[in-house]
Structures are given as structure tokens and as C-alpha cells.
Amino acid sequence: MRRASYRDALFWITRNDDCSWLPDGPISVTAALVADLFEVDDARIRKDLCDRYPNTLHGPDDATLRNRRRPVDIPRTTGGTSS
């Protein structure tokens, strides 16, 4: 299992959260949870999102999407014994 990273959390926010609070509104609940989980302040979340993803209101650009690591599909076994 891969550990969550701050960078992945920022990427997730840009793809799945309403970022209309950028650049100067109160941060979203999701951003607040990321700040708490990774022990960073609200200002850093805001700055990092604006610096890494300047078009955050529209999500990251295509180059960012192409360079993002893809999750690994791990086959799962069902219960029971194997021979």
C-alpha cells in the first residue's frame, strides 16, 4: 500500500474539490483536513496550491496529469485456502 503524500493530496484537491475559495477565501473542509493531516497551516496550503497549480480553478494542466504517477493495481485474493 502506498502512503499518502502532501503532493498527492494537493493534486486531489485540484481535481475533486471546489477551489473557488482560492486565492483569498476561507479554505475548504478538504483543504483543512489536508492541512491537519500533514501539519501545515492554511496559508501554506493556499500558497502551495497557487504555486503548483496556477490554474487551480480549472485543475492542473495536461502536462501535470501526464507526469503524475499512476496508482498501482494490486490484485486481491478472496478468502479461502490456496493449494
N, C-alpha and C. Protein backbone atom coordinates (compact mmCIF):
# COMPACT_ATOMS: atom_id res chain seq x y z
N MET A 1 0.84 -1.17 0.00
CA MET A 1 0.00 0.00 0.00
C MET A 1 0.90 1.25 0.00
N ARG A 2 0.54 2.18 -0.82
CA ARG A 2 1.32 3.42 -0.93
C ARG A 2 0.85 4.43 0.09
N ARG A 3 1.79 5.09 0.76
CA ARG A 3 1.45 6.14 1.72
C ARG A 3 0.96 7.39 1.01
N ALA A 4 0.02 8.04 1.62
CA ALA A 4 -0.46 9.30 1.07
C ALA A 4 0.63 10.35 1.20
N SER A 5 0.72 11.23 0.23
CA SER A 5 1.71 12.30 0.31
C SER A 5 0.98 13.64 0.24
N TYR A 6 1.66 14.65 0.73
CA TYR A 6 1.12 16.01 0.69
C TYR A 6 0.88 16.44 -0.75
N ARG A 7 1.82 16.09 -1.60
CA ARG A 7 1.71 16.45 -3.02
C ARG A 7 0.49 15.80 -3.68
N ASP A 8 0.27 14.52 -3.37
CA ASP A 8 -0.90 13.82 -3.90
C ASP A 8 -2.20 14.43 -3.36
N ALA A 9 -2.17 14.85 -2.11
CA ALA A 9 -3.36 15.47 -1.51
C ALA A 9 -3.68 16.79 -2.20
N LEU A 10 -2.65 17.59 -2.50
CA LEU A 10 -2.88 18.83 -3.23
C LEU A 10 -3.47 18.55 -4.61
N PHE A 11 -2.91 17.55 -5.29
CA PHE A 11 -3.42 17.18 -6.61
C PHE A 11 -4.89 16.76 -6.51
N TRP A 12 -5.23 15.97 -5.50
CA TRP A 12 -6.60 15.51 -5.32
C TRP A 12 -7.54 16.70 -5.13
N ILE A 13 -7.09 17.67 -4.33
CA ILE A 13 -7.92 18.87 -4.12
C ILE A 13 -8.22 19.56 -5.44
N THR A 14 -7.21 19.70 -6.30
CA THR A 14 -7.42 20.40 -7.56
C THR A 14 -8.38 19.66 -8.48
N ARG A 15 -8.42 18.35 -8.38
CA ARG A 15 -9.27 17.56 -9.27
C ARG A 15 -10.66 17.31 -8.72
N ASN A 16 -10.83 17.37 -7.39
CA ASN A 16 -12.09 16.92 -6.80
C ASN A 16 -12.78 17.92 -5.89
N ASP A 17 -12.12 18.98 -5.52
CA ASP A 17 -12.69 19.94 -4.58
C ASP A 17 -13.07 21.23 -5.30
N ASP A 18 -14.03 21.93 -4.75
CA ASP A 18 -14.39 23.24 -5.28
C ASP A 18 -13.34 24.23 -4.79
N CYS A 19 -12.51 24.71 -5.70
CA CYS A 19 -11.40 25.61 -5.33
C CYS A 19 -11.75 27.07 -5.49
N SER A 20 -13.03 27.39 -5.45
CA SER A 20 -13.43 28.78 -5.61
C SER A 20 -12.99 29.64 -4.42
N TRP A 21 -12.56 29.02 -3.35
CA TRP A 21 -12.06 29.75 -2.18
C TRP A 21 -10.68 30.35 -2.43
N LEU A 22 -9.98 29.88 -3.47
CA LEU A 22 -8.68 30.48 -3.81
C LEU A 22 -8.92 31.77 -4.57
N PRO A 23 -8.14 32.76 -4.47
CA PRO A 23 -6.93 32.85 -3.66
C PRO A 23 -7.12 33.42 -2.28
N ASP A 24 -8.32 33.96 -1.93
CA ASP A 24 -8.37 34.67 -0.65
C ASP A 24 -9.55 34.35 0.26
N GLY A 25 -10.35 33.34 -0.06
CA GLY A 25 -11.47 32.99 0.80
C GLY A 25 -11.05 32.03 1.90
N PRO A 26 -11.97 31.70 2.81
CA PRO A 26 -11.64 30.69 3.82
C PRO A 26 -11.47 29.33 3.14
N ILE A 27 -10.51 28.54 3.60
CA ILE A 27 -10.21 27.28 2.91
C ILE A 27 -11.36 26.28 3.07
N SER A 28 -11.41 25.32 2.16
CA SER A 28 -12.46 24.31 2.19
C SER A 28 -12.21 23.32 3.32
N VAL A 29 -13.23 22.53 3.63
CA VAL A 29 -13.10 21.49 4.65
C VAL A 29 -12.02 20.50 4.23
N THR A 30 -12.00 20.13 2.96
CA THR A 30 -11.00 19.18 2.47
C THR A 30 -9.59 19.74 2.65
N ALA A 31 -9.39 20.99 2.29
CA ALA A 31 -8.08 21.61 2.46
C ALA A 31 -7.71 21.69 3.93
N ALA A 32 -8.68 21.95 4.79
CA ALA A 32 -8.41 22.00 6.23
C ALA A 32 -8.00 20.62 6.75
N LEU A 33 -8.63 19.57 6.25
CA LEU A 33 -8.25 18.21 6.65
C LEU A 33 -6.83 17.87 6.19
N VAL A 34 -6.48 18.27 4.98
CA VAL A 34 -5.12 18.05 4.47
C VAL A 34 -4.12 18.82 5.32
N ALA A 35 -4.44 20.06 5.66
CA ALA A 35 -3.56 20.87 6.50
C ALA A 35 -3.33 20.19 7.85
N ASP A 36 -4.40 19.67 8.43
CA ASP A 36 -4.29 18.99 9.72
C ASP A 36 -3.51 17.69 9.61
N LEU A 37 -3.80 16.91 8.59
CA LEU A 37 -3.14 15.61 8.41
C LEU A 37 -1.63 15.76 8.20
N PHE A 38 -1.23 16.76 7.42
CA PHE A 38 0.18 16.95 7.12
C PHE A 38 0.84 18.05 7.97
N GLU A 39 0.10 18.54 8.97
CA GLU A 39 0.60 19.52 9.93
C GLU A 39 1.20 20.76 9.27
N VAL A 40 0.43 21.35 8.36
CA VAL A 40 0.81 22.61 7.72
C VAL A 40 -0.30 23.62 7.99
N ASP A 41 0.02 24.90 7.89
CA ASP A 41 -1.01 25.90 8.15
C ASP A 41 -1.79 26.22 6.87
N ASP A 42 -2.92 26.88 7.06
CA ASP A 42 -3.81 27.21 5.94
C ASP A 42 -3.10 28.03 4.86
N ALA A 43 -2.25 28.94 5.30
CA ALA A 43 -1.54 29.80 4.34
C ALA A 43 -0.64 28.97 3.43
N ARG A 44 -0.02 27.92 3.97
CA ARG A 44 0.85 27.09 3.14
C ARG A 44 0.04 26.30 2.11
N ILE A 45 -1.10 25.76 2.53
CA ILE A 45 -1.98 25.05 1.58
C ILE A 45 -2.33 25.98 0.42
N ARG A 46 -2.76 27.18 0.76
CA ARG A 46 -3.16 28.16 -0.25
C ARG A 46 -1.99 28.48 -1.18
N LYS A 47 -0.81 28.76 -0.60
CA LYS A 47 0.37 29.12 -1.39
C LYS A 47 0.80 27.96 -2.29
N ASP A 48 0.84 26.75 -1.71
CA ASP A 48 1.28 25.59 -2.49
C ASP A 48 0.33 25.28 -3.64
N LEU A 49 -0.96 25.41 -3.40
CA LEU A 49 -1.92 25.18 -4.49
C LEU A 49 -1.75 26.22 -5.59
N CYS A 50 -1.59 27.47 -5.20
CA CYS A 50 -1.43 28.53 -6.21
C CYS A 50 -0.10 28.43 -6.94
N ASP A 51 0.97 28.02 -6.24
CA ASP A 51 2.28 27.89 -6.87
C ASP A 51 2.37 26.67 -7.78
N ARG A 52 1.89 25.53 -7.29
CA ARG A 52 1.98 24.29 -8.08
C ARG A 52 0.98 24.24 -9.22
N TYR A 53 -0.20 24.74 -8.97
CA TYR A 53 -1.29 24.67 -9.94
C TYR A 53 -1.86 26.06 -10.15
N PRO A 54 -1.18 26.89 -10.95
CA PRO A 54 -1.64 28.27 -11.13
C PRO A 54 -3.06 28.37 -11.69
N ASN A 55 -3.51 27.36 -12.37
CA ASN A 55 -4.87 27.36 -12.92
C ASN A 55 -5.78 26.48 -12.08
N THR A 56 -5.62 26.54 -10.76
CA THR A 56 -6.33 25.65 -9.86
C THR A 56 -7.83 25.67 -10.04
N LEU A 57 -8.38 26.81 -10.39
CA LEU A 57 -9.83 26.84 -10.57
C LEU A 57 -10.26 25.92 -11.70
N HIS A 58 -9.33 25.62 -12.62
CA HIS A 58 -9.65 24.74 -13.73
C HIS A 58 -8.95 23.40 -13.61
N GLY A 59 -8.19 23.17 -12.56
CA GLY A 59 -7.43 21.94 -12.38
C GLY A 59 -6.06 22.06 -13.01
N PRO A 60 -5.20 21.09 -12.74
CA PRO A 60 -3.85 21.14 -13.29
C PRO A 60 -3.84 20.98 -14.80
N ASP A 61 -2.78 21.44 -15.42
CA ASP A 61 -2.69 21.34 -16.87
C ASP A 61 -2.41 19.91 -17.33
N ASP A 62 -2.50 19.67 -18.63
CA ASP A 62 -2.32 18.33 -19.18
C ASP A 62 -0.94 17.76 -18.89
N ALA A 63 0.10 18.58 -18.91
CA ALA A 63 1.46 18.09 -18.64
C ALA A 63 1.55 17.55 -17.21
N THR A 64 0.90 18.21 -16.28
CA THR A 64 0.90 17.74 -14.89
C THR A 64 0.19 16.40 -14.81
N LEU A 65 -0.91 16.26 -15.50
CA LEU A 65 -1.64 15.00 -15.49
C LEU A 65 -0.82 13.86 -16.10
N ARG A 66 -0.12 14.14 -17.19
CA ARG A 66 0.70 13.10 -17.83
C ARG A 66 1.85 12.67 -16.95
N ASN A 67 2.43 13.58 -16.17
CA ASN A 67 3.60 13.27 -15.36
C ASN A 67 3.26 12.70 -13.99
N ARG A 68 2.00 12.66 -13.65
CA ARG A 68 1.59 12.15 -12.34
C ARG A 68 1.73 10.63 -12.33
N ARG A 69 2.25 10.12 -11.23
CA ARG A 69 2.35 8.67 -11.09
C ARG A 69 0.97 8.05 -11.04
N ARG A 70 0.81 6.97 -11.71
CA ARG A 70 -0.47 6.26 -11.71
C ARG A 70 -0.50 5.29 -10.53
N PRO A 71 -1.69 5.11 -9.91
CA PRO A 71 -1.77 4.15 -8.82
C PRO A 71 -1.51 2.73 -9.34
N VAL A 72 -0.96 1.91 -8.51
CA VAL A 72 -0.66 0.53 -8.89
C VAL A 72 -1.86 -0.32 -8.56
N ASP A 73 -2.29 -1.13 -9.51
CA ASP A 73 -3.41 -2.03 -9.30
C ASP A 73 -2.88 -3.31 -8.66
N ILE A 74 -3.26 -3.54 -7.41
CA ILE A 74 -2.78 -4.72 -6.69
C ILE A 74 -3.90 -5.75 -6.69
N PRO A 75 -3.62 -6.94 -7.27
CA PRO A 75 -4.66 -7.97 -7.28
C PRO A 75 -4.98 -8.41 -5.85
N ARG A 76 -6.23 -8.57 -5.60
CA ARG A 76 -6.65 -9.00 -4.26
C ARG A 76 -7.11 -10.45 -4.33
N THR A 77 -6.82 -11.16 -3.29
CA THR A 77 -7.25 -12.56 -3.23
C THR A 77 -8.51 -12.65 -2.41
N THR A 78 -9.32 -13.62 -2.72
CA THR A 78 -10.53 -13.82 -1.94
C THR A 78 -10.21 -14.78 -0.80
N GLY A 79 -11.09 -14.87 0.13
CA GLY A 79 -10.88 -15.76 1.29
C GLY A 79 -10.75 -17.20 0.85
N GLY A 80 -10.28 -18.02 1.75
CA GLY A 80 -10.10 -19.43 1.44
C GLY A 80 -8.64 -19.80 1.45
N THR A 81 -8.39 -21.05 1.19
CA THR A 81 -7.01 -21.51 1.18
C THR A 81 -6.57 -21.78 -0.23
N SER A 82 -5.30 -21.65 -0.47
CA SER A 82 -4.79 -21.96 -1.80
C SER A 82 -4.00 -23.26 -1.75
N SER A 83 -3.97 -23.95 -2.85
CA SER A 83 -3.30 -25.25 -2.90
C SER A 83 -1.84 -25.10 -3.23
